[in-house]
């Protein structure tokens, strides 16, 4: 009960917004203190997250802030009509609903961009991420580490019929 109240207070003090160029040093600070290092599929990078963050700069990024401190980060890496999503929440702020708010912002961005699918991948032991994805409607892919959310059906002109010749 006490932990739940503490988490609710933390969540109330956190805001989510689109990342800005001026957030880079605060993002680096969050990732340098991030535990466990290389939490899922080697991300975030264990030693120097700077180049990785630079590579994400061209995509929509969202941050969760507690005052001036960045405590969460989400990126939507769009490729054509779909996008990969990644969500990271500082260990002191997990289980507070912050990941859900970050993921919600990314899904909204994907809808506004007219994307058809948002997907992600994690390790099978990253149960919190898999739970988070399911809680907002993602389903498992063929690979059990993958999860996806279809946002809109393909227009009928883009459906392809497979015809077999016999």
Foldseek 3Di string as FASTA:
>chain_A
DVVLVVLQVQLVQKDKDWDDPVCLVLVQVLLQQAPPQCQWPCPPPRPGNNVVVVVQVVFTKMFIDRDSHTFKIKTWADDPQETEIDIDGGPVNPPNCPRLVRVVVNVVVSVVVNHFKYKYFTDPVPVVVVVSCVVVPWDADPPNRMTMDTDDDDPPVPDDDDDDDD
